[in-house]
């Protein structure tokens, strides 16, 4: 599984770099970045819902 994850991560990195000229792990290219290891799934989901509501979505 680790090898497959590493392969997918490398493919994602290459796609972002070549297609968009950005680093896929640069948090500035995302609207919202959450550390789910810190917050857990339930709290992370609540944060996403709150952010969407704040934006009127």
PDB file of N, CA and C in Angstrom:
ATOM      1  N   UNK A   1       0.828  -1.200   0.000  1.00  0.00           N
ATOM      2  CA  UNK A   1       0.000   0.000   0.000  1.00  0.00           C
ATOM      3  C   UNK A   1       0.868   1.258   0.000  1.00  0.00           C
ATOM      4  N   UNK A   2       1.950   1.246   0.755  1.00  0.00           N
ATOM      5  CA  UNK A   2       2.823   2.432   0.815  1.00  0.00           C
ATOM      6  C   UNK A   2       3.440   2.749  -0.544  1.00  0.00           C
ATOM      7  N   UNK A   3       3.805   1.713  -1.269  1.00  0.00           N
ATOM      8  CA  UNK A   3       4.383   1.911  -2.601  1.00  0.00           C
ATOM      9  C   UNK A   3       3.348   2.534  -3.531  1.00  0.00           C
ATOM     10  N   UNK A   4       2.119   2.067  -3.457  1.00  0.00           N
ATOM     11  CA  UNK A   4       1.049   2.608  -4.298  1.00  0.00           C
ATOM     12  C   UNK A   4       0.760   4.060  -3.933  1.00  0.00           C
ATOM     13  N   UNK A   5       0.738   4.385  -2.657  1.00  0.00           N
ATOM     14  CA  UNK A   5       0.519   5.772  -2.224  1.00  0.00           C
ATOM     15  C   UNK A   5       1.640   6.663  -2.732  1.00  0.00           C
ATOM     16  N   UNK A   6       2.877   6.201  -2.609  1.00  0.00           N
ATOM     17  CA  UNK A   6       4.019   6.976  -3.097  1.00  0.00           C
ATOM     18  C   UNK A   6       3.925   7.190  -4.607  1.00  0.00           C
ATOM     19  N   UNK A   7       3.490   6.175  -5.342  1.00  0.00           N
ATOM     20  CA  UNK A   7       3.345   6.288  -6.792  1.00  0.00           C
ATOM     21  C   UNK A   7       2.276   7.319  -7.158  1.00  0.00           C
ATOM     22  N   UNK A   8       1.156   7.271  -6.465  1.00  0.00           N
ATOM     23  CA  UNK A   8       0.067   8.218  -6.727  1.00  0.00           C
ATOM     24  C   UNK A   8       0.488   9.636  -6.355  1.00  0.00           C
ATOM     25  N   UNK A   9       1.171   9.796  -5.224  1.00  0.00           N
ATOM     26  CA  UNK A   9       1.655  11.118  -4.823  1.00  0.00           C
ATOM     27  C   UNK A   9       2.607  11.694  -5.867  1.00  0.00           C
ATOM     28  N   UNK A  10       3.499  10.871  -6.371  1.00  0.00           N
ATOM     29  CA  UNK A  10       4.452  11.330  -7.388  1.00  0.00           C
ATOM     30  C   UNK A  10       3.721  11.735  -8.667  1.00  0.00           C
ATOM     31  N   UNK A  11       2.722  10.962  -9.057  1.00  0.00           N
ATOM     32  CA  UNK A  11       1.940  11.303 -10.250  1.00  0.00           C
ATOM     33  C   UNK A  11       1.189  12.619 -10.049  1.00  0.00           C
ATOM     34  N   UNK A  12       0.640  12.834  -8.871  1.00  0.00           N
ATOM     35  CA  UNK A  12      -0.071  14.080  -8.568  1.00  0.00           C
ATOM     36  C   UNK A  12       0.885  15.265  -8.607  1.00  0.00           C
ATOM     37  N   UNK A  13       2.048  15.082  -8.038  1.00  0.00           N
ATOM     38  CA  UNK A  13       3.055  16.141  -8.015  1.00  0.00           C
ATOM     39  C   UNK A  13       3.471  16.512  -9.437  1.00  0.00           C
ATOM     40  N   UNK A  14       3.701  15.519 -10.260  1.00  0.00           N
ATOM     41  CA  UNK A  14       4.101  15.755 -11.646  1.00  0.00           C
ATOM     42  C   UNK A  14       2.987  16.449 -12.424  1.00  0.00           C
ATOM     43  N   UNK A  15       1.754  16.010 -12.253  1.00  0.00           N
ATOM     44  CA  UNK A  15       0.604  16.606 -12.938  1.00  0.00           C
ATOM     45  C   UNK A  15       0.469  18.087 -12.581  1.00  0.00           C
ATOM     46  N   UNK A  16       0.560  18.408 -11.300  1.00  0.00           N
ATOM     47  CA  UNK A  16       0.427  19.799 -10.862  1.00  0.00           C
ATOM     48  C   UNK A  16       1.579  20.650 -11.387  1.00  0.00           C
ATOM     49  N   UNK A  17       2.781  20.106 -11.318  1.00  0.00           N
ATOM     50  CA  UNK A  17       3.960  20.857 -11.753  1.00  0.00           C
ATOM     51  C   UNK A  17       3.926  21.113 -13.261  1.00  0.00           C
ATOM     52  N   UNK A  18       3.660  20.085 -14.035  1.00  0.00           N
ATOM     53  CA  UNK A  18       3.699  20.224 -15.493  1.00  0.00           C
ATOM     54  C   UNK A  18       2.444  20.882 -16.061  1.00  0.00           C
ATOM     55  N   UNK A  19       1.300  20.615 -15.471  1.00  0.00           N
ATOM     56  CA  UNK A  19       0.054  21.159 -15.994  1.00  0.00           C
ATOM     57  C   UNK A  19      -0.260  22.566 -15.533  1.00  0.00           C
ATOM     58  N   UNK A  20       0.124  22.885 -14.305  1.00  0.00           N
ATOM     59  CA  UNK A  20      -0.270  24.168 -13.725  1.00  0.00           C
ATOM     60  C   UNK A  20       0.895  25.003 -13.219  1.00  0.00           C
ATOM     61  N   UNK A  21       2.093  24.458 -13.286  1.00  0.00           N
ATOM     62  CA  UNK A  21       3.292  25.160 -12.822  1.00  0.00           C
ATOM     63  C   UNK A  21       3.200  25.535 -11.347  1.00  0.00           C
ATOM     64  N   UNK A  22       2.668  24.620 -10.542  1.00  0.00           N
ATOM     65  CA  UNK A  22       2.568  24.823  -9.098  1.00  0.00           C
ATOM     66  C   UNK A  22       3.071  23.577  -8.386  1.00  0.00           C
ATOM     67  N   UNK A  23       3.390  23.752  -7.128  1.00  0.00           N
ATOM     68  CA  UNK A  23       3.758  22.620  -6.283  1.00  0.00           C
ATOM     69  C   UNK A  23       2.491  22.132  -5.597  1.00  0.00           C
ATOM     70  N   UNK A  24       2.130  20.870  -5.807  1.00  0.00           N
ATOM     71  CA  UNK A  24       0.860  20.340  -5.296  1.00  0.00           C
ATOM     72  C   UNK A  24       0.768  20.388  -3.779  1.00  0.00           C
ATOM     73  N   UNK A  25       1.892  20.449  -3.090  1.00  0.00           N
ATOM     74  CA  UNK A  25       1.850  20.476  -1.626  1.00  0.00           C
ATOM     75  C   UNK A  25       2.018  21.888  -1.067  1.00  0.00           C
ATOM     76  N   UNK A  26       1.871  22.908  -1.900  1.00  0.00           N
ATOM     77  CA  UNK A  26       1.916  24.297  -1.451  1.00  0.00           C
ATOM     78  C   UNK A  26       0.527  24.685  -0.947  1.00  0.00           C
ATOM     79  N   UNK A  27       0.370  24.913   0.352  1.00  0.00           N
ATOM     80  CA  UNK A  27      -0.969  25.197   0.886  1.00  0.00           C
ATOM     81  C   UNK A  27      -1.593  26.481   0.348  1.00  0.00           C
ATOM     82  N   UNK A  28      -0.801  27.354  -0.246  1.00  0.00           N
ATOM     83  CA  UNK A  28      -1.349  28.612  -0.774  1.00  0.00           C
ATOM     84  C   UNK A  28      -2.239  28.403  -1.992  1.00  0.00           C
ATOM     85  N   UNK A  29      -2.170  27.233  -2.636  1.00  0.00           N
ATOM     86  CA  UNK A  29      -3.006  27.010  -3.824  1.00  0.00           C
ATOM     87  C   UNK A  29      -4.375  26.431  -3.474  1.00  0.00           C
ATOM     88  N   UNK A  30      -4.614  26.214  -2.200  1.00  0.00           N
ATOM     89  CA  UNK A  30      -5.886  25.637  -1.749  1.00  0.00           C
ATOM     90  C   UNK A  30      -6.689  26.682  -0.981  1.00  0.00           C
ATOM     91  N   UNK A  31      -8.001  26.597  -1.047  1.00  0.00           N
ATOM     92  CA  UNK A  31      -8.865  27.513  -0.314  1.00  0.00           C
ATOM     93  C   UNK A  31      -8.923  27.178   1.170  1.00  0.00           C
ATOM     94  N   UNK A  32      -8.808  25.914   1.497  1.00  0.00           N
ATOM     95  CA  UNK A  32      -8.899  25.481   2.888  1.00  0.00           C
ATOM     96  C   UNK A  32      -8.031  24.242   3.061  1.00  0.00           C
ATOM     97  N   UNK A  33      -7.171  24.273   4.067  1.00  0.00           N
ATOM     98  CA  UNK A  33      -6.297  23.136   4.352  1.00  0.00           C
ATOM     99  C   UNK A  33      -6.527  22.731   5.799  1.00  0.00           C
ATOM    100  N   UNK A  34      -6.827  21.460   6.009  1.00  0.00           N
ATOM    101  CA  UNK A  34      -7.075  20.953   7.359  1.00  0.00           C
ATOM    102  C   UNK A  34      -6.149  19.787   7.664  1.00  0.00           C
ATOM    103  N   UNK A  35      -5.670  19.744   8.886  1.00  0.00           N
ATOM    104  CA  UNK A  35      -4.877  18.613   9.358  1.00  0.00           C
ATOM    105  C   UNK A  35      -5.843  17.639  10.028  1.00  0.00           C
ATOM    106  N   UNK A  36      -6.325  16.661   9.270  1.00  0.00           N
ATOM    107  CA  UNK A  36      -7.312  15.733   9.815  1.00  0.00           C
ATOM    108  C   UNK A  36      -6.730  14.853  10.911  1.00  0.00           C
ATOM    109  N   UNK A  37      -5.419  14.704  10.939  1.00  0.00           N
ATOM    110  CA  UNK A  37      -4.797  13.961  12.043  1.00  0.00           C
ATOM    111  C   UNK A  37      -4.958  14.731  13.345  1.00  0.00           C
ATOM    112  N   UNK A  38      -4.966  16.041  13.249  1.00  0.00           N
ATOM    113  CA  UNK A  38      -5.129  16.881  14.446  1.00  0.00           C
ATOM    114  C   UNK A  38      -6.594  17.024  14.848  1.00  0.00           C
ATOM    115  N   UNK A  39      -7.462  17.275  13.880  1.00  0.00           N
ATOM    116  CA  UNK A  39      -8.859  17.576  14.171  1.00  0.00           C
ATOM    117  C   UNK A  39      -9.781  16.369  14.130  1.00  0.00           C
ATOM    118  N   UNK A  40      -9.399  15.336  13.420  1.00  0.00           N
ATOM    119  CA  UNK A  40     -10.275  14.184  13.250  1.00  0.00           C
ATOM    120  C   UNK A  40     -11.285  14.438  12.148  1.00  0.00           C
ATOM    121  N   UNK A  41     -11.946  13.385  11.732  1.00  0.00           N
ATOM    122  CA  UNK A  41     -12.870  13.478  10.599  1.00  0.00           C
ATOM    123  C   UNK A  41     -14.097  14.309  10.940  1.00  0.00           C
ATOM    124  N   UNK A  42     -14.706  14.087  12.095  1.00  0.00           N
ATOM    125  CA  UNK A  42     -15.944  14.794  12.441  1.00  0.00           C
ATOM    126  C   UNK A  42     -15.731  16.296  12.577  1.00  0.00           C
ATOM    127  N   UNK A  43     -14.682  16.706  13.274  1.00  0.00           N
ATOM    128  CA  UNK A  43     -14.405  18.134  13.443  1.00  0.00           C
ATOM    129  C   UNK A  43     -14.010  18.751  12.105  1.00  0.00           C
ATOM    130  N   UNK A  44     -13.224  18.038  11.319  1.00  0.00           N
ATOM    131  CA  UNK A  44     -12.841  18.539   9.996  1.00  0.00           C
ATOM    132  C   UNK A  44     -14.072  18.764   9.126  1.00  0.00           C
ATOM    133  N   UNK A  45     -15.001  17.828   9.153  1.00  0.00           N
ATOM    134  CA  UNK A  45     -16.237  17.974   8.386  1.00  0.00           C
ATOM    135  C   UNK A  45     -17.029  19.186   8.862  1.00  0.00           C
ATOM    136  N   UNK A  46     -17.092  19.389  10.164  1.00  0.00           N
ATOM    137  CA  UNK A  46     -17.807  20.544  10.712  1.00  0.00           C
ATOM    138  C   UNK A  46     -17.146  21.853  10.281  1.00  0.00           C
ATOM    139  N   UNK A  47     -15.831  21.876  10.220  1.00  0.00           N
ATOM    140  CA  UNK A  47     -15.109  23.069   9.769  1.00  0.00           C
ATOM    141  C   UNK A  47     -15.422  23.355   8.303  1.00  0.00           C
ATOM    142  N   UNK A  48     -15.447  22.331   7.481  1.00  0.00           N
ATOM    143  CA  UNK A  48     -15.764  22.504   6.060  1.00  0.00           C
ATOM    144  C   UNK A  48     -17.182  23.037   5.898  1.00  0.00           C
ATOM    145  N   UNK A  49     -18.123  22.489   6.640  1.00  0.00           N
ATOM    146  CA  UNK A  49     -19.515  22.955   6.576  1.00  0.00           C
ATOM    147  C   UNK A  49     -19.599  24.412   7.014  1.00  0.00           C
ATOM    148  N   UNK A  50     -18.928  24.770   8.105  1.00  0.00           N
ATOM    149  CA  UNK A  50     -18.951  26.148   8.594  1.00  0.00           C
ATOM    150  C   UNK A  50     -18.336  27.102   7.569  1.00  0.00           C
ATOM    151  N   UNK A  51     -17.244  26.697   6.942  1.00  0.00           N
ATOM    152  CA  UNK A  51     -16.609  27.538   5.922  1.00  0.00           C
ATOM    153  C   UNK A  51     -17.534  27.724   4.724  1.00  0.00           C
ATOM    154  N   UNK A  52     -18.187  26.661   4.292  1.00  0.00           N
ATOM    155  CA  UNK A  52     -19.115  26.754   3.162  1.00  0.00           C
ATOM    156  C   UNK A  52     -20.283  27.675   3.495  1.00  0.00           C
ATOM    157  N   UNK A  53     -20.795  27.557   4.690  1.00  0.00           N
ATOM    158  CA  UNK A  53     -21.912  28.428   5.106  1.00  0.00           C
ATOM    159  C   UNK A  53     -21.463  29.880   5.172  1.00  0.00           C
ATOM    160  N   UNK A  54     -20.259  30.116   5.669  1.00  0.00           N
ATOM    161  CA  UNK A  54     -19.740  31.480   5.769  1.00  0.00           C
ATOM    162  C   UNK A  54     -19.590  32.122   4.390  1.00  0.00           C
ATOM    163  N   UNK A  55     -19.341  31.297   3.384  1.00  0.00           N
ATOM    164  CA  UNK A  55     -19.212  31.796   2.016  1.00  0.00           C
ATOM    165  C   UNK A  55     -20.544  31.828   1.277  1.00  0.00           C
ATOM    166  N   UNK A  56     -21.606  31.406   1.956  1.00  0.00           N
ATOM    167  CA  UNK A  56     -22.926  31.421   1.351  1.00  0.00           C
ATOM    168  C   UNK A  56     -23.209  30.248   0.440  1.00  0.00           C
ATOM    169  N   UNK A  57     -22.445  29.198   0.590  1.00  0.00           N
ATOM    170  CA  UNK A  57     -22.650  28.014  -0.266  1.00  0.00           C
ATOM    171  C   UNK A  57     -23.712  27.112   0.310  1.00  0.00           C
TER     172      UNK A  57
END
